[in-house]
Protein backbone atom coordinates (compact mmCIF):
# COMPACT_ATOMS: atom_id res chain seq x y z
CA MET A 1 -15.64 33.09 -18.56
CA SER A 2 -14.18 35.44 -21.09
CA ASN A 3 -16.11 38.25 -22.70
CA GLN A 4 -16.05 36.12 -25.84
CA VAL A 5 -18.63 33.80 -24.25
CA LYS A 6 -22.21 34.92 -23.62
CA VAL A 7 -24.48 32.76 -21.46
CA ILE A 8 -28.24 33.00 -21.71
CA GLN A 9 -30.63 31.06 -19.53
CA PRO A 10 -34.23 30.84 -20.68
CA SER A 11 -36.69 29.61 -18.07
CA GLY A 12 -40.05 27.89 -17.96
CA ARG A 13 -41.35 26.78 -21.33
CA LEU A 14 -39.48 27.21 -24.59
CA ASP A 15 -42.41 26.77 -26.96
CA VAL A 16 -44.58 28.54 -29.53
CA MET A 17 -45.45 31.24 -26.98
CA THR A 18 -41.86 32.08 -25.99
CA ALA A 19 -39.73 31.15 -29.02
CA ALA A 20 -39.99 34.62 -30.61
CA ASP A 21 -38.70 36.27 -27.42
CA PHE A 22 -35.77 33.85 -27.35
CA ARG A 23 -34.97 34.59 -31.00
CA GLY A 24 -35.08 38.31 -30.23
CA GLN A 25 -32.68 37.87 -27.34
CA VAL A 26 -30.23 36.03 -29.60
CA ASN A 27 -30.60 38.63 -32.36
CA ASP A 28 -29.74 41.34 -29.82
CA ILE A 29 -26.58 39.40 -28.92
CA VAL A 30 -25.35 38.90 -32.48
CA SER A 31 -26.25 42.39 -33.73
CA VAL A 32 -23.82 44.27 -31.51
CA PRO A 33 -20.39 45.31 -32.80
CA ASN A 34 -17.92 42.51 -32.01
CA PRO A 35 -20.47 39.89 -30.92
CA PRO A 36 -19.29 37.09 -28.63
CA LYS A 37 -17.54 34.19 -30.30
CA HIS A 38 -19.57 31.67 -28.38
CA LEU A 39 -23.12 31.50 -27.05
CA LEU A 40 -23.93 29.04 -24.29
CA VAL A 41 -27.64 28.35 -23.86
CA ASP A 42 -28.17 27.02 -20.34
CA LEU A 43 -31.45 25.10 -20.34
CA ASN A 44 -31.28 24.25 -16.65
CA LYS A 45 -34.43 26.28 -15.90
CA VAL A 46 -36.40 25.18 -18.99
CA THR A 47 -39.16 22.82 -17.88
CA PHE A 48 -40.62 22.03 -21.32
CA MET A 49 -39.61 22.49 -24.95
CA ASP A 50 -41.52 21.73 -28.15
CA SER A 51 -40.68 21.92 -31.85
CA SER A 52 -40.99 25.73 -31.80
CA GLY A 53 -38.40 25.90 -29.06
CA LEU A 54 -36.19 23.53 -31.00
CA GLY A 55 -36.59 25.74 -34.06
CA ALA A 56 -35.57 28.76 -31.99
CA LEU A 57 -32.39 26.96 -30.93
CA VAL A 58 -31.60 26.08 -34.56
CA SER A 59 -32.17 29.75 -35.51
CA ALA A 60 -29.84 30.80 -32.71
CA LEU A 61 -27.15 28.42 -33.95
CA LYS A 62 -27.48 29.81 -37.49
CA ALA A 63 -27.33 33.39 -36.21
CA MET A 64 -24.17 32.66 -34.24
CA ARG A 65 -22.53 30.94 -37.20
CA ASN A 66 -23.49 33.84 -39.47
CA SER A 67 -21.65 36.15 -37.06
CA ASN A 68 -18.58 33.85 -37.16
CA GLY A 69 -19.41 32.38 -33.77
CA ASP A 70 -20.64 29.10 -32.37
CA MET A 71 -23.19 27.88 -29.86
CA SER A 72 -23.43 25.16 -27.24
CA ILE A 73 -26.20 23.92 -24.99
CA CYS A 74 -26.06 22.70 -21.42
CA GLY A 75 -28.36 21.72 -18.57
CA ALA A 76 -31.12 20.04 -20.60
CA ASN A 77 -33.65 18.02 -18.61
CA ASP A 78 -34.75 14.50 -19.63
CA GLN A 79 -37.66 15.72 -21.82
CA VAL A 80 -35.44 18.14 -23.73
CA GLU A 81 -32.68 15.54 -24.10
CA MET A 82 -35.22 13.09 -25.50
CA LEU A 83 -36.41 15.73 -27.98
CA PHE A 84 -32.80 16.29 -29.11
CA GLU A 85 -32.27 12.55 -29.53
CA LEU A 86 -35.53 11.91 -31.39
CA THR A 87 -34.81 14.73 -33.85
CA SER A 88 -31.09 13.87 -34.19
CA MET A 89 -30.19 17.34 -32.92
CA THR A 90 -27.48 15.71 -30.81
CA LYS A 91 -25.52 15.62 -34.09
CA ILE A 92 -26.03 19.34 -34.67
CA PHE A 93 -25.57 20.89 -31.23
CA LYS A 94 -22.65 20.68 -28.85
CA ILE A 95 -24.41 19.56 -25.67
CA TYR A 96 -22.89 19.52 -22.19
CA PRO A 97 -24.48 18.31 -18.95
CA THR A 98 -23.45 21.42 -16.98
CA VAL A 99 -21.96 24.91 -17.36
CA GLU A 100 -18.85 23.65 -15.56
CA GLU A 101 -18.29 20.92 -18.15
CA PHE A 102 -18.66 23.50 -20.91
CA LYS A 103 -16.16 25.81 -19.15
CA ALA A 104 -13.66 22.94 -18.98
CA THR A 105 -13.56 22.86 -22.78
CA LEU A 106 -12.48 26.50 -22.95
CA ASN A 107 -9.08 25.90 -21.36
């Protein structure tokens, strides 16, 4: 992938206990000179996500858009996919099943 795409891969739980760390990681990405144009959040290793984790993803999307970038998500498990569907976040986020399917959209 180009240097215009940054991939981050949280693991374990993305919840009230870990959301602040995730937000900090995204803030570090967008605060550098010439931040990446696209952030891909690979949720393949996330085993559970709650509303705090969802809020952290929304914050990440806003941060990327504020830095003239965009964000996509891939690798969500069934629980996370259900959370996205129940909260209509499937209309907000670009969601791909795998990193490879995301990469195919870059060409």
